[in-house]
Amino acid sequence: MRSDIIEIDNQGSGFDKALEETRRVAQLQGLNQKDAVRLQLCTEEMLSLARSVTGELRASFYLEGEGKSFDLHMTTKTVMDKEKRHQLISASTSRKNEAAKSFLGKLRDAFEQAMAAEVDHTYYELPEAVTKDVSYTYMDDPEWDGYEQSILRRVADNVKIAIRGGLVDMTVSKSFD
């Protein structure tokens, strides 16, 4: 069974619809309440991971289910840099780009890695007069903590990430036996 394709964006539009579609597919496939909630958690964390890493989200989402095995698919475009690429690839179970399987795929992947932009982390020192007026100053760059990544890897059976140019294709597999 394949669900409807749902468009999701940064404003949260489509997020609830994706969760509702996940609930609907879980019910049609005969999952119990506990497993249905786990499948929903996979959907939530998958979409949250994509939004937190890419910074924007304009994605297509759908589910495929056969018996009690499910594949959640999400595709989005982003402006890729080295940091985003690393975070996305490190979220996958294999820690490899699934789009780089063939010789040409590996060659394209190496070229895209070399051409990816470096992230500019420029910090500016604020004058003391300004910092005295601000009660809470946080000067360090808040690094992405990988929370969604760790939850998704713990809940899902397999996470595959394929990056080709600025197109990111994420597939999360979960089986309830």
C-alpha atoms as a PDB file:
ATOM      1  CA  MET A   1       0.000   0.000   0.000  1.00  0.00           C
ATOM      2  CA  ARG A   2       1.192   3.489  -0.821  1.00  0.00           C
ATOM      3  CA  SER A   3      -0.161   6.606   0.872  1.00  0.00           C
ATOM      4  CA  ASP A   4      -0.974   9.947  -0.661  1.00  0.00           C
ATOM      5  CA  ILE A   5       1.917  12.338  -1.301  1.00  0.00           C
ATOM      6  CA  ILE A   6       1.872  15.225   1.167  1.00  0.00           C
ATOM      7  CA  GLU A   7       3.615  18.549   0.607  1.00  0.00           C
ATOM      8  CA  ILE A   8       5.199  20.026   3.742  1.00  0.00           C
ATOM      9  CA  ASP A   9       6.720  23.481   4.256  1.00  0.00           C
ATOM     10  CA  ASN A  10       8.471  25.605   6.902  1.00  0.00           C
ATOM     11  CA  GLN A  11       5.272  27.164   8.192  1.00  0.00           C
ATOM     12  CA  GLY A  12       4.165  23.749   9.431  1.00  0.00           C
ATOM     13  CA  SER A  13       1.624  23.319   6.677  1.00  0.00           C
ATOM     14  CA  GLY A  14       1.347  19.632   5.862  1.00  0.00           C
ATOM     15  CA  PHE A  15       3.071  18.429   9.043  1.00  0.00           C
ATOM     16  CA  ASP A  16      -0.236  17.509  10.744  1.00  0.00           C
ATOM     17  CA  LYS A  17      -1.493  16.008   7.504  1.00  0.00           C
ATOM     18  CA  ALA A  18       1.617  13.786   7.329  1.00  0.00           C
ATOM     19  CA  LEU A  19       0.979  12.570  10.884  1.00  0.00           C
ATOM     20  CA  GLU A  20      -2.691  11.952  10.087  1.00  0.00           C
ATOM     21  CA  GLU A  21      -1.720   9.992   6.965  1.00  0.00           C
ATOM     22  CA  THR A  22       0.707   7.950   9.084  1.00  0.00           C
ATOM     23  CA  ARG A  23      -2.076   7.162  11.566  1.00  0.00           C
ATOM     24  CA  ARG A  24      -4.418   6.226   8.697  1.00  0.00           C
ATOM     25  CA  VAL A  25      -1.877   3.865   7.078  1.00  0.00           C
ATOM     26  CA  ALA A  26      -1.039   2.288  10.465  1.00  0.00           C
ATOM     27  CA  GLN A  27      -4.728   1.623  11.076  1.00  0.00           C
ATOM     28  CA  LEU A  28      -5.290   0.204   7.579  1.00  0.00           C
ATOM     29  CA  GLN A  29      -2.296  -2.113   8.008  1.00  0.00           C
ATOM     30  CA  GLY A  30      -3.619  -3.339  11.381  1.00  0.00           C
ATOM     31  CA  LEU A  31      -0.964  -1.952  13.735  1.00  0.00           C
ATOM     32  CA  ASN A  32      -1.762  -1.888  17.430  1.00  0.00           C
ATOM     33  CA  GLN A  33      -1.764   1.465  19.276  1.00  0.00           C
ATOM     34  CA  LYS A  34       1.807   1.149  20.561  1.00  0.00           C
ATOM     35  CA  ASP A  35       3.267   0.373  17.118  1.00  0.00           C
ATOM     36  CA  ALA A  36       1.160   3.089  15.476  1.00  0.00           C
ATOM     37  CA  VAL A  37       2.644   5.633  17.897  1.00  0.00           C
ATOM     38  CA  ARG A  38       6.166   4.400  17.063  1.00  0.00           C
ATOM     39  CA  LEU A  39       5.470   4.833  13.356  1.00  0.00           C
ATOM     40  CA  GLN A  40       4.203   8.357  14.040  1.00  0.00           C
ATOM     41  CA  LEU A  41       7.376   9.063  16.023  1.00  0.00           C
ATOM     42  CA  CYS A  42       9.424   7.993  12.988  1.00  0.00           C
ATOM     43  CA  THR A  43       7.459  10.449  10.844  1.00  0.00           C
ATOM     44  CA  GLU A  44       7.849  13.311  13.341  1.00  0.00           C
ATOM     45  CA  GLU A  45      11.574  12.811  13.830  1.00  0.00           C
ATOM     46  CA  MET A  46      12.231  12.363  10.114  1.00  0.00           C
ATOM     47  CA  LEU A  47      10.550  15.665   9.259  1.00  0.00           C
ATOM     48  CA  SER A  48      12.126  17.456  12.231  1.00  0.00           C
ATOM     49  CA  LEU A  49      15.584  16.201  11.299  1.00  0.00           C
ATOM     50  CA  ALA A  50      15.221  17.482   7.755  1.00  0.00           C
ATOM     51  CA  ARG A  51      14.008  20.882   8.951  1.00  0.00           C
ATOM     52  CA  SER A  52      16.683  21.301  11.635  1.00  0.00           C
ATOM     53  CA  VAL A  53      19.558  20.342   9.341  1.00  0.00           C
ATOM     54  CA  THR A  54      18.529  22.075   6.126  1.00  0.00           C
ATOM     55  CA  GLY A  55      17.091  25.167   7.809  1.00  0.00           C
ATOM     56  CA  GLU A  56      14.224  25.189   5.372  1.00  0.00           C
ATOM     57  CA  LEU A  57      11.680  22.613   4.458  1.00  0.00           C
ATOM     58  CA  ARG A  58       9.701  22.269   1.289  1.00  0.00           C
ATOM     59  CA  ALA A  59       9.322  18.539   1.082  1.00  0.00           C
ATOM     60  CA  SER A  60       7.230  15.722  -0.328  1.00  0.00           C
ATOM     61  CA  PHE A  61       6.352  12.903   2.048  1.00  0.00           C
ATOM     62  CA  TYR A  62       4.656   9.529   1.613  1.00  0.00           C
ATOM     63  CA  LEU A  63       4.558   6.075   3.208  1.00  0.00           C
ATOM     64  CA  GLU A  64       4.695   2.594   1.747  1.00  0.00           C
ATOM     65  CA  GLY A  65       3.513  -0.345   3.784  1.00  0.00           C
ATOM     66  CA  GLU A  66       3.322  -4.048   3.222  1.00  0.00           C
ATOM     67  CA  GLY A  67       2.032  -6.089   6.117  1.00  0.00           C
ATOM     68  CA  LYS A  68       3.771  -4.653   9.156  1.00  0.00           C
ATOM     69  CA  SER A  69       6.804  -3.277   7.315  1.00  0.00           C
ATOM     70  CA  PHE A  70       6.903   0.396   6.383  1.00  0.00           C
ATOM     71  CA  ASP A  71       9.096   2.759   4.396  1.00  0.00           C
ATOM     72  CA  LEU A  72       8.687   6.487   4.998  1.00  0.00           C
ATOM     73  CA  HIS A  73       9.941   8.626   2.108  1.00  0.00           C
ATOM     74  CA  MET A  74      10.777  12.320   2.150  1.00  0.00           C
ATOM     75  CA  THR A  75      12.342  14.386  -0.618  1.00  0.00           C
ATOM     76  CA  THR A  76      13.460  18.007  -0.285  1.00  0.00           C
ATOM     77  CA  LYS A  77      15.726  20.482  -2.034  1.00  0.00           C
ATOM     78  CA  THR A  78      18.277  22.561  -0.166  1.00  0.00           C
ATOM     79  CA  VAL A  79      21.328  24.677  -0.786  1.00  0.00           C
ATOM     80  CA  MET A  80      23.979  22.157   0.198  1.00  0.00           C
ATOM     81  CA  ASP A  81      27.141  23.019   2.091  1.00  0.00           C
ATOM     82  CA  LYS A  82      29.747  20.784   3.721  1.00  0.00           C
ATOM     83  CA  GLU A  83      28.194  20.999   7.184  1.00  0.00           C
ATOM     84  CA  LYS A  84      24.646  20.111   6.047  1.00  0.00           C
ATOM     85  CA  ARG A  85      25.998  17.284   3.934  1.00  0.00           C
ATOM     86  CA  HIS A  86      27.944  15.857   6.878  1.00  0.00           C
ATOM     87  CA  GLN A  87      24.978  16.113   9.259  1.00  0.00           C
ATOM     88  CA  LEU A  88      22.619  14.454   6.807  1.00  0.00           C
ATOM     89  CA  ILE A  89      24.993  11.616   5.932  1.00  0.00           C
ATOM     90  CA  SER A  90      25.808  11.026   9.608  1.00  0.00           C
ATOM     91  CA  ALA A  91      22.071  10.586  10.273  1.00  0.00           C
ATOM     92  CA  SER A  92      21.949   7.538   8.009  1.00  0.00           C
ATOM     93  CA  THR A  93      22.447   4.048   9.365  1.00  0.00           C
ATOM     94  CA  SER A  94      25.310   3.239   6.967  1.00  0.00           C
ATOM     95  CA  ARG A  95      26.897   6.709   7.258  1.00  0.00           C
ATOM     96  CA  LYS A  96      27.130   6.693   3.441  1.00  0.00           C
ATOM     97  CA  ASN A  97      25.445   8.575   0.625  1.00  0.00           C
ATOM     98  CA  GLU A  98      23.007   6.071  -0.889  1.00  0.00           C
ATOM     99  CA  ALA A  99      23.161   7.936  -4.223  1.00  0.00           C
ATOM    100  CA  ALA A 100      26.845   6.986  -4.554  1.00  0.00           C
ATOM    101  CA  LYS A 101      26.557   3.277  -5.357  1.00  0.00           C
ATOM    102  CA  SER A 102      27.910   3.007  -8.899  1.00  0.00           C
ATOM    103  CA  PHE A 103      31.286   4.186 -10.170  1.00  0.00           C
ATOM    104  CA  LEU A 104      29.720   7.289 -11.733  1.00  0.00           C
ATOM    105  CA  GLY A 105      27.683   7.875  -8.578  1.00  0.00           C
ATOM    106  CA  LYS A 106      30.824   7.752  -6.447  1.00  0.00           C
ATOM    107  CA  LEU A 107      32.610  10.061  -8.866  1.00  0.00           C
ATOM    108  CA  ARG A 108      29.717  12.555  -8.817  1.00  0.00           C
ATOM    109  CA  ASP A 109      29.577  12.323  -5.008  1.00  0.00           C
ATOM    110  CA  ALA A 110      33.306  13.061  -4.678  1.00  0.00           C
ATOM    111  CA  PHE A 111      32.954  16.019  -7.032  1.00  0.00           C
ATOM    112  CA  GLU A 112      29.925  17.375  -5.130  1.00  0.00           C
ATOM    113  CA  GLN A 113      31.793  17.016  -1.821  1.00  0.00           C
ATOM    114  CA  ALA A 114      34.742  18.945  -3.195  1.00  0.00           C
ATOM    115  CA  MET A 115      32.511  21.670  -4.631  1.00  0.00           C
ATOM    116  CA  ALA A 116      30.312  22.084  -1.528  1.00  0.00           C
ATOM    117  CA  ALA A 117      30.709  25.464   0.101  1.00  0.00           C
ATOM    118  CA  GLU A 118      32.386  25.903   3.455  1.00  0.00           C
ATOM    119  CA  VAL A 119      30.150  27.325   6.152  1.00  0.00           C
ATOM    120  CA  ASP A 120      31.088  30.822   7.268  1.00  0.00           C
ATOM    121  CA  HIS A 121      30.977  31.134  11.056  1.00  0.00           C
ATOM    122  CA  THR A 122      31.792  34.802  11.530  1.00  0.00           C
ATOM    123  CA  TYR A 123      31.560  36.113  15.060  1.00  0.00           C
ATOM    124  CA  TYR A 124      31.497  39.774  15.887  1.00  0.00           C
ATOM    125  CA  GLU A 125      32.579  41.198  19.204  1.00  0.00           C
ATOM    126  CA  LEU A 126      29.899  43.436  20.682  1.00  0.00           C
ATOM    127  CA  PRO A 127      30.948  46.577  22.495  1.00  0.00           C
ATOM    128  CA  GLU A 128      30.875  46.344  26.295  1.00  0.00           C
ATOM    129  CA  ALA A 129      28.247  49.098  26.483  1.00  0.00           C
ATOM    130  CA  VAL A 130      25.859  46.946  24.477  1.00  0.00           C
ATOM    131  CA  THR A 131      26.508  43.713  26.389  1.00  0.00           C
ATOM    132  CA  LYS A 132      25.849  45.467  29.748  1.00  0.00           C
ATOM    133  CA  ASP A 133      22.322  46.292  28.587  1.00  0.00           C
ATOM    134  CA  VAL A 134      21.586  42.743  27.536  1.00  0.00           C
ATOM    135  CA  SER A 135      20.732  40.478  30.449  1.00  0.00           C
ATOM    136  CA  TYR A 136      21.344  37.219  28.574  1.00  0.00           C
ATOM    137  CA  THR A 137      24.231  37.001  26.153  1.00  0.00           C
ATOM    138  CA  TYR A 138      25.105  33.789  24.457  1.00  0.00           C
ATOM    139  CA  MET A 139      28.159  34.306  22.291  1.00  0.00           C
ATOM    140  CA  ASP A 140      28.935  30.735  21.300  1.00  0.00           C
ATOM    141  CA  ASP A 141      27.600  29.235  18.100  1.00  0.00           C
ATOM    142  CA  PRO A 142      24.831  26.879  19.192  1.00  0.00           C
ATOM    143  CA  GLU A 143      25.818  23.656  17.468  1.00  0.00           C
ATOM    144  CA  TRP A 144      23.160  21.310  16.226  1.00  0.00           C
ATOM    145  CA  ASP A 145      22.794  18.760  19.008  1.00  0.00           C
ATOM    146  CA  GLY A 146      21.698  15.826  16.850  1.00  0.00           C
ATOM    147  CA  TYR A 147      18.667  15.086  19.027  1.00  0.00           C
ATOM    148  CA  GLU A 148      16.386  14.161  16.101  1.00  0.00           C
ATOM    149  CA  GLN A 149      19.167  12.088  14.598  1.00  0.00           C
ATOM    150  CA  SER A 150      19.655   9.981  17.727  1.00  0.00           C
ATOM    151  CA  ILE A 151      15.920   9.475  18.305  1.00  0.00           C
ATOM    152  CA  LEU A 152      15.334   8.512  14.674  1.00  0.00           C
ATOM    153  CA  ARG A 153      18.197   6.013  14.651  1.00  0.00           C
ATOM    154  CA  ARG A 154      16.952   4.479  17.897  1.00  0.00           C
ATOM    155  CA  VAL A 155      13.319   4.126  16.753  1.00  0.00           C
ATOM    156  CA  ALA A 156      13.820   3.196  13.080  1.00  0.00           C
ATOM    157  CA  ASP A 157      15.282  -0.036  11.731  1.00  0.00           C
ATOM    158  CA  ASN A 158      17.136   1.670   8.888  1.00  0.00           C
ATOM    159  CA  VAL A 159      17.721   5.257   7.741  1.00  0.00           C
ATOM    160  CA  LYS A 160      18.946   5.894   4.203  1.00  0.00           C
ATOM    161  CA  ILE A 161      19.993   9.294   2.902  1.00  0.00           C
ATOM    162  CA  ALA A 162      20.694   9.917  -0.767  1.00  0.00           C
ATOM    163  CA  ILE A 163      22.132  13.301  -1.766  1.00  0.00           C
ATOM    164  CA  ARG A 164      22.459  14.303  -5.388  1.00  0.00           C
ATOM    165  CA  GLY A 165      23.279  17.971  -5.829  1.00  0.00           C
ATOM    166  CA  GLY A 166      20.833  19.861  -3.641  1.00  0.00           C
ATOM    167  CA  LEU A 167      18.218  17.096  -3.673  1.00  0.00           C
ATOM    168  CA  VAL A 168      17.956  15.078  -0.469  1.00  0.00           C
ATOM    169  CA  ASP A 169      16.008  11.820  -0.442  1.00  0.00           C
ATOM    170  CA  MET A 170      15.477  10.229   2.970  1.00  0.00           C
ATOM    171  CA  THR A 171      13.981   6.771   3.497  1.00  0.00           C
ATOM    172  CA  VAL A 172      13.202   5.485   6.982  1.00  0.00           C
ATOM    173  CA  SER A 173      12.328   1.788   7.336  1.00  0.00           C
ATOM    174  CA  LYS A 174      10.452   0.288  10.276  1.00  0.00           C
ATOM    175  CA  SER A 175       9.147  -3.232  10.666  1.00  0.00           C
ATOM    176  CA  PHE A 176       6.847  -4.442  13.452  1.00  0.00           C
ATOM    177  CA  ASP A 177       7.114  -8.202  13.902  1.00  0.00           C
END
